[in-house]
Amino acid sequence: MPAAPKLLSAVNEAFFAGLIPSARLTSLRRDEERSFRSAPFARPYYLCAALTAELLAPARGLLAVSTWPMDRRVIGPLSPRVNYLSAAIRVAESFLRIRSPGPAAQRLLWRFAANIPGAADGARNMDPATVARAAQAELQVHADDDRAARTAAAGRARRQLDDAGQLFGSRLRLTGQAGAGRA
């Protein structure tokens, strides 16, 4: 699922050794686009942009991987919440797999739990299994509608965009009609 550089950095800090500055991920995405445009498909995968379902333009601040299916790289109206809930489930599951989660992992889980109804009573009374169950319950409400919107937008993207556009989004341009009819 597409994610913001800050989230990727927080997950890396919580569950892996080291810190990845989120600004580095943002600049890396721009470098990846330049690399792809100069030598398309020269590498097996690229860090690319998530695409908005409406305009098929790059979704501001969301990264994806070029090998993911198009419907996974598109962001529809419900996608931010669906992705949030899916990430909460994965973080809670990862939290359960490690012996002694550190403070970074606890903070990350709390960041998710605090915004999911019924996930936790407070940062100190937080159970990862409860967070995952609450996130899954809400996810079931939105998942089908989100999937349908993403699938439709992905089909449009495959029909309307070239290879670079499918990875990095369409270029938004002003037309001569912009502002016409205003007095």
N, C-alpha and C. Protein backbone atom coordinates (compact mmCIF):
# COMPACT_ATOMS: atom_id res chain seq x y z
N MET A 1 0.83 -1.17 0.00
CA MET A 1 0.00 0.00 0.00
C MET A 1 0.88 1.24 0.00
N PRO A 2 0.51 2.26 -0.73
CA PRO A 2 1.29 3.49 -0.75
C PRO A 2 1.38 4.09 0.66
N ALA A 3 2.50 4.73 0.92
CA ALA A 3 2.72 5.30 2.25
C ALA A 3 3.53 6.58 2.15
N ALA A 4 3.39 7.41 3.16
CA ALA A 4 4.14 8.66 3.26
C ALA A 4 5.56 8.36 3.73
N PRO A 5 6.51 9.13 3.28
CA PRO A 5 7.89 8.93 3.73
C PRO A 5 8.04 8.95 5.25
N LYS A 6 7.27 9.79 5.94
CA LYS A 6 7.36 9.83 7.40
C LYS A 6 6.95 8.51 8.03
N LEU A 7 5.92 7.87 7.48
CA LEU A 7 5.49 6.58 8.00
C LEU A 7 6.55 5.52 7.73
N LEU A 8 7.10 5.51 6.53
CA LEU A 8 8.15 4.54 6.21
C LEU A 8 9.34 4.70 7.15
N SER A 9 9.69 5.93 7.42
CA SER A 9 10.79 6.20 8.34
C SER A 9 10.46 5.73 9.76
N ALA A 10 9.23 5.98 10.22
CA ALA A 10 8.82 5.57 11.56
C ALA A 10 8.79 4.05 11.70
N VAL A 11 8.30 3.36 10.69
CA VAL A 11 8.27 1.89 10.72
C VAL A 11 9.69 1.34 10.74
N ASN A 12 10.55 1.91 9.93
CA ASN A 12 11.94 1.46 9.91
C ASN A 12 12.59 1.66 11.28
N GLU A 13 12.35 2.80 11.89
CA GLU A 13 12.91 3.08 13.22
C GLU A 13 12.35 2.12 14.27
N ALA A 14 11.06 1.81 14.18
CA ALA A 14 10.41 0.98 15.18
C ALA A 14 10.80 -0.50 15.10
N PHE A 15 11.01 -1.01 13.90
CA PHE A 15 11.19 -2.45 13.75
C PHE A 15 12.53 -2.88 13.17
N PHE A 16 13.31 -1.95 12.69
CA PHE A 16 14.60 -2.28 12.09
C PHE A 16 15.67 -1.36 12.68
N ALA A 17 16.87 -1.74 12.54
CA ALA A 17 17.96 -0.93 13.07
C ALA A 17 18.21 0.25 12.14
N GLY A 18 18.18 1.42 12.67
CA GLY A 18 18.54 2.58 11.88
C GLY A 18 17.37 3.50 11.60
N LEU A 19 17.75 4.63 11.06
CA LEU A 19 16.78 5.66 10.75
C LEU A 19 16.96 6.08 9.30
N ILE A 20 15.86 6.18 8.57
CA ILE A 20 15.88 6.69 7.20
C ILE A 20 15.21 8.05 7.24
N PRO A 21 15.94 9.12 6.97
CA PRO A 21 15.30 10.44 6.94
C PRO A 21 14.22 10.49 5.86
N SER A 22 13.03 10.94 6.23
CA SER A 22 11.92 10.96 5.27
C SER A 22 12.21 11.86 4.08
N ALA A 23 12.97 12.93 4.28
CA ALA A 23 13.32 13.81 3.16
C ALA A 23 14.14 13.06 2.11
N ARG A 24 14.94 12.12 2.55
CA ARG A 24 15.75 11.33 1.60
C ARG A 24 14.84 10.49 0.70
N LEU A 25 13.77 9.95 1.26
CA LEU A 25 12.84 9.15 0.46
C LEU A 25 12.13 10.01 -0.58
N THR A 26 11.78 11.23 -0.20
CA THR A 26 11.11 12.12 -1.13
C THR A 26 12.02 12.47 -2.30
N SER A 27 13.26 12.80 -2.02
CA SER A 27 14.18 13.14 -3.11
C SER A 27 14.51 11.89 -3.93
N LEU A 28 14.53 10.73 -3.31
CA LEU A 28 14.79 9.49 -4.03
C LEU A 28 13.71 9.24 -5.08
N ARG A 29 12.46 9.52 -4.75
CA ARG A 29 11.37 9.33 -5.71
C ARG A 29 11.58 10.20 -6.95
N ARG A 30 12.01 11.43 -6.76
CA ARG A 30 12.28 12.31 -7.91
C ARG A 30 13.45 11.75 -8.74
N ASP A 31 14.47 11.25 -8.06
CA ASP A 31 15.61 10.65 -8.77
C ASP A 31 15.17 9.42 -9.55
N GLU A 32 14.28 8.64 -8.97
CA GLU A 32 13.77 7.44 -9.64
C GLU A 32 13.03 7.81 -10.93
N GLU A 33 12.23 8.87 -10.88
CA GLU A 33 11.51 9.28 -12.08
C GLU A 33 12.49 9.70 -13.17
N ARG A 34 13.50 10.49 -12.82
CA ARG A 34 14.50 10.90 -13.82
C ARG A 34 15.20 9.67 -14.41
N SER A 35 15.53 8.73 -13.55
CA SER A 35 16.20 7.50 -14.00
C SER A 35 15.31 6.73 -14.97
N PHE A 36 14.04 6.58 -14.62
CA PHE A 36 13.13 5.83 -15.49
C PHE A 36 12.95 6.53 -16.83
N ARG A 37 12.78 7.84 -16.81
CA ARG A 37 12.55 8.57 -18.06
C ARG A 37 13.78 8.52 -18.97
N SER A 38 14.97 8.45 -18.39
CA SER A 38 16.18 8.40 -19.24
C SER A 38 16.45 6.98 -19.75
N ALA A 39 16.07 5.95 -18.98
CA ALA A 39 16.28 4.56 -19.41
C ALA A 39 15.14 3.71 -18.87
N PRO A 40 13.98 3.73 -19.55
CA PRO A 40 12.80 2.99 -19.06
C PRO A 40 13.08 1.50 -18.84
N PHE A 41 12.64 1.01 -17.71
CA PHE A 41 12.71 -0.40 -17.34
C PHE A 41 14.14 -0.95 -17.31
N ALA A 42 15.12 -0.08 -17.06
CA ALA A 42 16.51 -0.53 -16.96
C ALA A 42 16.74 -1.31 -15.67
N ARG A 43 15.88 -1.11 -14.69
CA ARG A 43 16.00 -1.81 -13.41
C ARG A 43 14.72 -2.61 -13.15
N PRO A 44 14.78 -3.57 -12.24
CA PRO A 44 13.60 -4.41 -12.00
C PRO A 44 12.45 -3.68 -11.28
N TYR A 45 12.75 -2.62 -10.55
CA TYR A 45 11.68 -1.88 -9.88
C TYR A 45 12.15 -0.45 -9.60
N TYR A 46 11.16 0.43 -9.34
CA TYR A 46 11.42 1.83 -9.04
C TYR A 46 10.53 2.26 -7.88
N LEU A 47 11.01 3.18 -7.08
CA LEU A 47 10.17 3.84 -6.10
C LEU A 47 9.41 4.89 -6.89
N CYS A 48 8.09 4.83 -6.87
CA CYS A 48 7.30 5.72 -7.72
C CYS A 48 6.20 6.39 -6.91
N ALA A 49 5.40 7.15 -7.60
CA ALA A 49 4.31 7.88 -6.96
C ALA A 49 3.04 7.03 -6.92
N ALA A 50 2.28 7.21 -5.85
CA ALA A 50 0.91 6.70 -5.87
C ALA A 50 0.13 7.67 -6.75
N LEU A 51 -0.92 7.20 -7.41
CA LEU A 51 -1.68 8.05 -8.32
C LEU A 51 -3.07 8.32 -7.77
N THR A 52 -3.55 9.55 -7.93
CA THR A 52 -4.91 9.88 -7.50
C THR A 52 -5.89 9.25 -8.48
N ALA A 53 -6.97 8.72 -7.98
CA ALA A 53 -7.96 8.07 -8.83
C ALA A 53 -8.64 9.06 -9.77
N GLU A 54 -8.84 10.26 -9.30
CA GLU A 54 -9.57 11.25 -10.09
C GLU A 54 -8.78 11.75 -11.29
N LEU A 55 -7.55 12.22 -11.06
CA LEU A 55 -6.77 12.84 -12.12
C LEU A 55 -5.62 11.98 -12.64
N LEU A 56 -5.37 10.85 -12.00
CA LEU A 56 -4.24 10.00 -12.34
C LEU A 56 -2.92 10.79 -12.26
N ALA A 57 -2.90 11.73 -11.34
CA ALA A 57 -1.73 12.56 -11.08
C ALA A 57 -1.02 12.00 -9.85
N PRO A 58 0.24 12.38 -9.64
CA PRO A 58 0.93 11.89 -8.45
C PRO A 58 0.21 12.35 -7.18
N ALA A 59 -0.02 11.42 -6.29
CA ALA A 59 -0.64 11.76 -5.00
C ALA A 59 0.44 12.39 -4.13
N ARG A 60 0.20 13.57 -3.67
CA ARG A 60 1.20 14.31 -2.91
C ARG A 60 1.64 13.53 -1.68
N GLY A 61 2.94 13.30 -1.60
CA GLY A 61 3.51 12.71 -0.40
C GLY A 61 3.29 11.22 -0.20
N LEU A 62 2.87 10.49 -1.23
CA LEU A 62 2.67 9.05 -1.08
C LEU A 62 3.54 8.30 -2.07
N LEU A 63 4.27 7.33 -1.54
CA LEU A 63 5.18 6.54 -2.35
C LEU A 63 4.64 5.14 -2.57
N ALA A 64 5.01 4.56 -3.69
CA ALA A 64 4.62 3.20 -4.04
C ALA A 64 5.82 2.52 -4.69
N VAL A 65 5.65 1.27 -5.04
CA VAL A 65 6.70 0.50 -5.71
C VAL A 65 6.17 0.10 -7.09
N SER A 66 7.01 0.27 -8.10
CA SER A 66 6.57 0.06 -9.48
C SER A 66 6.09 -1.35 -9.77
N THR A 67 6.53 -2.34 -9.02
CA THR A 67 6.13 -3.73 -9.29
C THR A 67 4.74 -4.06 -8.73
N TRP A 68 4.19 -3.18 -7.91
CA TRP A 68 2.84 -3.42 -7.39
C TRP A 68 1.83 -3.28 -8.53
N PRO A 69 0.74 -4.05 -8.47
CA PRO A 69 -0.30 -3.88 -9.48
C PRO A 69 -0.86 -2.45 -9.44
N MET A 70 -1.31 -1.98 -10.59
CA MET A 70 -1.81 -0.61 -10.70
C MET A 70 -2.90 -0.30 -9.67
N ASP A 71 -3.82 -1.24 -9.44
CA ASP A 71 -4.90 -0.95 -8.50
C ASP A 71 -4.40 -0.78 -7.06
N ARG A 72 -3.21 -1.25 -6.79
CA ARG A 72 -2.62 -1.04 -5.47
C ARG A 72 -1.91 0.30 -5.37
N ARG A 73 -1.52 0.86 -6.52
CA ARG A 73 -0.81 2.14 -6.53
C ARG A 73 -1.74 3.34 -6.68
N VAL A 74 -3.02 3.10 -6.95
CA VAL A 74 -3.99 4.18 -7.11
C VAL A 74 -4.64 4.47 -5.76
N ILE A 75 -4.92 5.75 -5.52
CA ILE A 75 -5.54 6.19 -4.28
C ILE A 75 -6.92 6.77 -4.59
N GLY A 76 -7.95 6.10 -4.10
CA GLY A 76 -9.31 6.58 -4.27
C GLY A 76 -9.77 7.35 -3.04
N PRO A 77 -11.01 7.77 -3.01
CA PRO A 77 -11.51 8.57 -1.89
C PRO A 77 -11.42 7.86 -0.52
N LEU A 78 -11.62 6.56 -0.49
CA LEU A 78 -11.56 5.82 0.78
C LEU A 78 -10.17 5.26 1.07
N SER A 79 -9.27 5.34 0.11
CA SER A 79 -7.96 4.70 0.25
C SER A 79 -7.13 5.19 1.43
N PRO A 80 -7.12 6.49 1.74
CA PRO A 80 -6.32 6.89 2.90
C PRO A 80 -6.74 6.15 4.18
N ARG A 81 -8.02 6.01 4.40
CA ARG A 81 -8.48 5.32 5.61
C ARG A 81 -8.20 3.82 5.50
N VAL A 82 -8.46 3.23 4.37
CA VAL A 82 -8.20 1.80 4.18
C VAL A 82 -6.71 1.51 4.36
N ASN A 83 -5.86 2.33 3.80
CA ASN A 83 -4.42 2.14 3.95
C ASN A 83 -3.99 2.32 5.41
N TYR A 84 -4.58 3.29 6.08
CA TYR A 84 -4.27 3.53 7.49
C TYR A 84 -4.63 2.30 8.33
N LEU A 85 -5.81 1.78 8.11
CA LEU A 85 -6.26 0.61 8.87
C LEU A 85 -5.40 -0.62 8.54
N SER A 86 -5.07 -0.79 7.27
CA SER A 86 -4.21 -1.92 6.87
C SER A 86 -2.83 -1.79 7.51
N ALA A 87 -2.30 -0.59 7.53
CA ALA A 87 -0.99 -0.37 8.16
C ALA A 87 -1.07 -0.63 9.66
N ALA A 88 -2.16 -0.23 10.29
CA ALA A 88 -2.33 -0.47 11.72
C ALA A 88 -2.32 -1.97 12.02
N ILE A 89 -2.97 -2.73 11.19
CA ILE A 89 -3.01 -4.18 11.37
C ILE A 89 -1.60 -4.76 11.24
N ARG A 90 -0.88 -4.33 10.22
CA ARG A 90 0.48 -4.85 10.01
C ARG A 90 1.42 -4.45 11.14
N VAL A 91 1.31 -3.23 11.62
CA VAL A 91 2.16 -2.78 12.72
C VAL A 91 1.82 -3.57 13.98
N ALA A 92 0.53 -3.77 14.25
CA ALA A 92 0.13 -4.54 15.44
C ALA A 92 0.65 -5.98 15.34
N GLU A 93 0.55 -6.58 14.16
CA GLU A 93 1.05 -7.95 13.98
C GLU A 93 2.57 -8.00 14.16
N SER A 94 3.27 -7.02 13.64
CA SER A 94 4.73 -6.96 13.82
C SER A 94 5.08 -6.77 15.28
N PHE A 95 4.32 -5.96 15.96
CA PHE A 95 4.51 -5.70 17.39
C PHE A 95 4.41 -7.00 18.18
N LEU A 96 3.46 -7.84 17.80
CA LEU A 96 3.26 -9.12 18.49
C LEU A 96 4.40 -10.11 18.23
N ARG A 97 5.06 -9.99 17.09
CA ARG A 97 6.13 -10.93 16.73
C ARG A 97 7.46 -10.66 17.42
N ILE A 98 7.67 -9.46 17.91
CA ILE A 98 8.97 -9.16 18.51
C ILE A 98 8.90 -9.34 20.03
N ARG A 99 10.00 -9.78 20.60
CA ARG A 99 10.03 -10.09 22.03
C ARG A 99 9.78 -8.88 22.92
N SER A 100 10.59 -7.89 22.80
CA SER A 100 10.43 -6.69 23.64
C SER A 100 10.43 -5.46 22.75
N PRO A 101 9.24 -5.06 22.36
CA PRO A 101 9.14 -3.88 21.50
C PRO A 101 9.71 -2.66 22.21
N GLY A 102 10.48 -1.90 21.50
CA GLY A 102 11.08 -0.70 22.07
C GLY A 102 10.10 0.46 22.08
N PRO A 103 10.55 1.58 22.61
CA PRO A 103 9.68 2.77 22.69
C PRO A 103 9.22 3.27 21.32
N ALA A 104 10.05 3.15 20.29
CA ALA A 104 9.64 3.61 18.96
C ALA A 104 8.48 2.77 18.44
N ALA A 105 8.52 1.46 18.67
CA ALA A 105 7.42 0.58 18.24
C ALA A 105 6.15 0.89 19.03
N GLN A 106 6.29 1.14 20.31
CA GLN A 106 5.12 1.47 21.14
C GLN A 106 4.49 2.79 20.70
N ARG A 107 5.33 3.78 20.40
CA ARG A 107 4.80 5.08 19.92
C ARG A 107 4.08 4.90 18.59
N LEU A 108 4.66 4.11 17.70
CA LEU A 108 4.05 3.89 16.40
C LEU A 108 2.69 3.20 16.54
N LEU A 109 2.63 2.17 17.35
CA LEU A 109 1.35 1.48 17.55
C LEU A 109 0.32 2.42 18.15
N TRP A 110 0.75 3.25 19.10
CA TRP A 110 -0.19 4.20 19.73
C TRP A 110 -0.69 5.22 18.70
N ARG A 111 0.18 5.67 17.81
CA ARG A 111 -0.25 6.62 16.78
C ARG A 111 -1.41 6.06 15.96
N PHE A 112 -1.36 4.77 15.69
CA PHE A 112 -2.46 4.13 14.96
C PHE A 112 -3.67 3.94 15.87
N ALA A 113 -3.45 3.36 17.04
CA ALA A 113 -4.55 3.02 17.95
C ALA A 113 -5.37 4.24 18.35
N ALA A 114 -4.73 5.37 18.50
CA ALA A 114 -5.42 6.58 18.95
C ALA A 114 -6.49 7.04 17.97
N ASN A 115 -6.40 6.62 16.71
CA ASN A 115 -7.35 7.06 15.69
C ASN A 115 -8.25 5.95 15.16
N ILE A 116 -8.37 4.88 15.95
CA ILE A 116 -9.25 3.78 15.57
C ILE A 116 -10.20 3.53 16.73
N PRO A 117 -11.50 3.72 16.50
CA PRO A 117 -12.46 3.51 17.59
C PRO A 117 -12.35 2.09 18.17
N GLY A 118 -12.28 2.03 19.51
CA GLY A 118 -12.24 0.75 20.21
C GLY A 118 -10.89 0.06 20.21
N ALA A 119 -9.84 0.74 19.72
CA ALA A 119 -8.53 0.10 19.63
C ALA A 119 -7.77 0.13 20.95
N ALA A 120 -7.94 1.17 21.73
CA ALA A 120 -7.19 1.28 22.99
C ALA A 120 -7.82 2.33 23.89
N ASP A 121 -7.67 2.13 25.20
CA ASP A 121 -8.15 3.10 26.18
C ASP A 121 -7.14 4.20 26.41
N GLY A 122 -5.90 3.93 26.13
CA GLY A 122 -4.83 4.89 26.32
C GLY A 122 -3.51 4.26 25.92
N ALA A 123 -2.48 5.07 25.87
CA ALA A 123 -1.17 4.57 25.44
C ALA A 123 -0.66 3.47 26.36
N ARG A 124 -0.99 3.53 27.63
CA ARG A 124 -0.50 2.52 28.58
C ARG A 124 -1.36 1.25 28.59
N ASN A 125 -2.61 1.36 28.13
CA ASN A 125 -3.52 0.21 28.11
C ASN A 125 -3.77 -0.25 26.69
N MET A 126 -2.72 -0.44 25.97
CA MET A 126 -2.84 -0.77 24.56
C MET A 126 -2.40 -2.21 24.32
N ASP A 127 -3.28 -2.99 23.73
CA ASP A 127 -2.99 -4.38 23.39
C ASP A 127 -2.94 -4.49 21.87
N PRO A 128 -1.83 -4.93 21.29
CA PRO A 128 -1.72 -5.01 19.83
C PRO A 128 -2.82 -5.85 19.18
N ALA A 129 -3.22 -6.94 19.82
CA ALA A 129 -4.28 -7.78 19.24
C ALA A 129 -5.60 -7.02 19.18
N THR A 130 -5.88 -6.22 20.19
CA THR A 130 -7.10 -5.41 20.20
C THR A 130 -7.04 -4.34 19.13
N VAL A 131 -5.88 -3.73 18.95
CA VAL A 131 -5.70 -2.73 17.89
C VAL A 131 -5.97 -3.38 16.53
N ALA A 132 -5.42 -4.54 16.30
CA ALA A 132 -5.61 -5.24 15.02
C ALA A 132 -7.08 -5.59 14.80
N ARG A 133 -7.75 -6.08 15.84
CA ARG A 133 -9.17 -6.44 15.70
C ARG A 133 -10.03 -5.22 15.40
N ALA A 134 -9.79 -4.12 16.09
CA ALA A 134 -10.57 -2.90 15.86
C ALA A 134 -10.33 -2.36 14.45
N ALA A 135 -9.08 -2.39 14.01
CA ALA A 135 -8.76 -1.93 12.66
C ALA A 135 -9.42 -2.84 11.62
N GLN A 136 -9.38 -4.14 11.84
CA GLN A 136 -9.99 -5.09 10.90
C GLN A 136 -11.50 -4.89 10.82
N ALA A 137 -12.14 -4.62 11.95
CA ALA A 137 -13.59 -4.40 11.96
C ALA A 137 -13.97 -3.19 11.11
N GLU A 138 -13.22 -2.11 11.25
CA GLU A 138 -13.53 -0.93 10.45
C GLU A 138 -13.13 -1.13 8.99
N LEU A 139 -12.04 -1.84 8.76
CA LEU A 139 -11.59 -2.10 7.40
C LEU A 139 -12.66 -2.84 6.59
N GLN A 140 -13.36 -3.75 7.22
CA GLN A 140 -14.41 -4.50 6.52
C GLN A 140 -15.52 -3.59 6.01
N VAL A 141 -15.73 -2.46 6.67
CA VAL A 141 -16.76 -1.53 6.25
C VAL A 141 -16.38 -0.84 4.94
N HIS A 142 -15.10 -0.52 4.76
CA HIS A 142 -14.66 0.30 3.64
C HIS A 142 -13.97 -0.46 2.50
N ALA A 143 -13.48 -1.64 2.74
CA ALA A 143 -12.59 -2.32 1.80
C ALA A 143 -13.20 -2.56 0.42
N ASP A 144 -14.43 -3.05 0.34
CA ASP A 144 -15.02 -3.36 -0.96
C ASP A 144 -15.22 -2.12 -1.82
N ASP A 145 -15.73 -1.04 -1.23
CA ASP A 145 -15.94 0.20 -1.99
C ASP A 145 -14.60 0.78 -2.45
N ASP A 146 -13.61 0.71 -1.58
CA ASP A 146 -12.28 1.22 -1.96
C ASP A 146 -11.71 0.40 -3.10
N ARG A 147 -11.82 -0.91 -3.01
CA ARG A 147 -11.29 -1.80 -4.05
C ARG A 147 -11.96 -1.50 -5.40
N ALA A 148 -13.26 -1.28 -5.39
CA ALA A 148 -13.97 -0.99 -6.64
C ALA A 148 -13.49 0.33 -7.25
N ALA A 149 -13.31 1.35 -6.44
CA ALA A 149 -12.84 2.64 -6.95
C ALA A 149 -11.42 2.53 -7.49
N ARG A 150 -10.57 1.80 -6.79
CA ARG A 150 -9.18 1.63 -7.25
C ARG A 150 -9.13 0.84 -8.55
N THR A 151 -9.93 -0.20 -8.64
CA THR A 151 -9.94 -1.03 -9.85
C THR A 151 -10.38 -0.22 -11.07
N ALA A 152 -11.42 0.58 -10.91
CA ALA A 152 -11.90 1.41 -12.02
C ALA A 152 -10.82 2.42 -12.43
N ALA A 153 -10.21 3.07 -11.47
CA ALA A 153 -9.17 4.06 -11.77
C ALA A 153 -7.94 3.39 -12.40
N ALA A 154 -7.60 2.21 -11.94
CA ALA A 154 -6.46 1.48 -12.51
C ALA A 154 -6.71 1.15 -13.98
N GLY A 155 -7.92 0.76 -14.30
CA GLY A 155 -8.26 0.50 -15.70
C GLY A 155 -8.11 1.74 -16.56
N ARG A 156 -8.57 2.88 -16.05
CA ARG A 156 -8.41 4.15 -16.77
C ARG A 156 -6.94 4.48 -16.96
N ALA A 157 -6.15 4.28 -15.91
CA ALA A 157 -4.71 4.59 -15.98
C ALA A 157 -4.03 3.74 -17.05
N ARG A 158 -4.35 2.47 -17.10
CA ARG A 158 -3.73 1.59 -18.10
C ARG A 158 -4.11 2.00 -19.52
N ARG A 159 -5.34 2.49 -19.70
CA ARG A 159 -5.79 2.91 -21.03
C ARG A 159 -5.25 4.28 -21.43
N GLN A 160 -5.13 5.19 -20.47
CA GLN A 160 -4.83 6.59 -20.80
C GLN A 160 -3.37 7.01 -20.65
N LEU A 161 -2.59 6.30 -19.86
CA LEU A 161 -1.23 6.77 -19.56
C LEU A 161 -0.16 5.89 -20.22
N ASP A 162 0.94 6.51 -20.60
CA ASP A 162 2.08 5.76 -21.09
C ASP A 162 2.79 5.11 -19.89
N ASP A 163 3.87 4.40 -20.14
CA ASP A 163 4.57 3.69 -19.07
C ASP A 163 5.03 4.62 -17.95
N ALA A 164 5.64 5.74 -18.32
CA ALA A 164 6.11 6.69 -17.31
C ALA A 164 4.93 7.27 -16.52
N GLY A 165 3.85 7.58 -17.21
CA GLY A 165 2.67 8.12 -16.54
C GLY A 165 2.06 7.13 -15.58
N GLN A 166 2.10 5.85 -15.92
CA GLN A 166 1.55 4.83 -15.02
C GLN A 166 2.37 4.71 -13.74
N LEU A 167 3.64 5.05 -13.79
CA LEU A 167 4.49 4.98 -12.59
C LEU A 167 4.57 6.29 -11.83
N PHE A 168 4.57 7.41 -12.55
CA PHE A 168 4.83 8.69 -11.90
C PHE A 168 3.70 9.70 -12.04
N GLY A 169 2.62 9.31 -12.70
CA GLY A 169 1.45 10.17 -12.81
C GLY A 169 1.43 11.01 -14.06
N SER A 170 0.24 11.52 -14.36
CA SER A 170 0.08 12.38 -15.53
C SER A 170 0.60 13.77 -15.19
N ARG A 171 1.03 14.46 -16.19
CA ARG A 171 1.48 15.84 -16.02
C ARG A 171 0.25 16.73 -16.14
N LEU A 172 -0.03 17.51 -15.13
CA LEU A 172 -1.16 18.43 -15.18
C LEU A 172 -0.71 19.68 -15.92
N ARG A 173 -1.49 20.09 -16.92
CA ARG A 173 -1.14 21.27 -17.71
C ARG A 173 -2.32 22.22 -17.75
N LEU A 174 -2.02 23.49 -17.77
CA LEU A 174 -3.06 24.50 -17.98
C LEU A 174 -3.39 24.54 -19.46
N THR A 175 -4.65 24.69 -19.77
CA THR A 175 -5.04 24.79 -21.17
C THR A 175 -5.40 26.22 -21.48
N GLY A 176 -5.56 26.52 -22.74
CA GLY A 176 -5.96 27.87 -23.16
C GLY A 176 -7.34 28.24 -22.63
N GLN A 177 -8.13 27.29 -22.26
CA GLN A 177 -9.48 27.53 -21.78
C GLN A 177 -9.53 27.97 -20.32
N ALA A 178 -8.44 27.78 -19.59
CA ALA A 178 -8.45 28.15 -18.18
C ALA A 178 -8.70 29.64 -18.04
N GLY A 179 -9.69 29.99 -17.31
CA GLY A 179 -10.00 31.40 -17.07
C GLY A 179 -10.94 31.97 -18.11
N ALA A 180 -11.27 31.23 -19.17
CA ALA A 180 -12.19 31.74 -20.17
C ALA A 180 -13.57 31.92 -19.56
N GLY A 181 -14.23 32.94 -19.95
CA GLY A 181 -15.57 33.19 -19.45
C GLY A 181 -15.61 34.02 -18.18
N ARG A 182 -14.48 34.40 -17.67
CA ARG A 182 -14.45 35.26 -16.47
C ARG A 182 -14.37 36.70 -16.91
N ALA A 183 -15.06 37.50 -16.21
CA ALA A 183 -15.02 38.94 -16.55
C ALA A 183 -14.24 39.72 -15.54
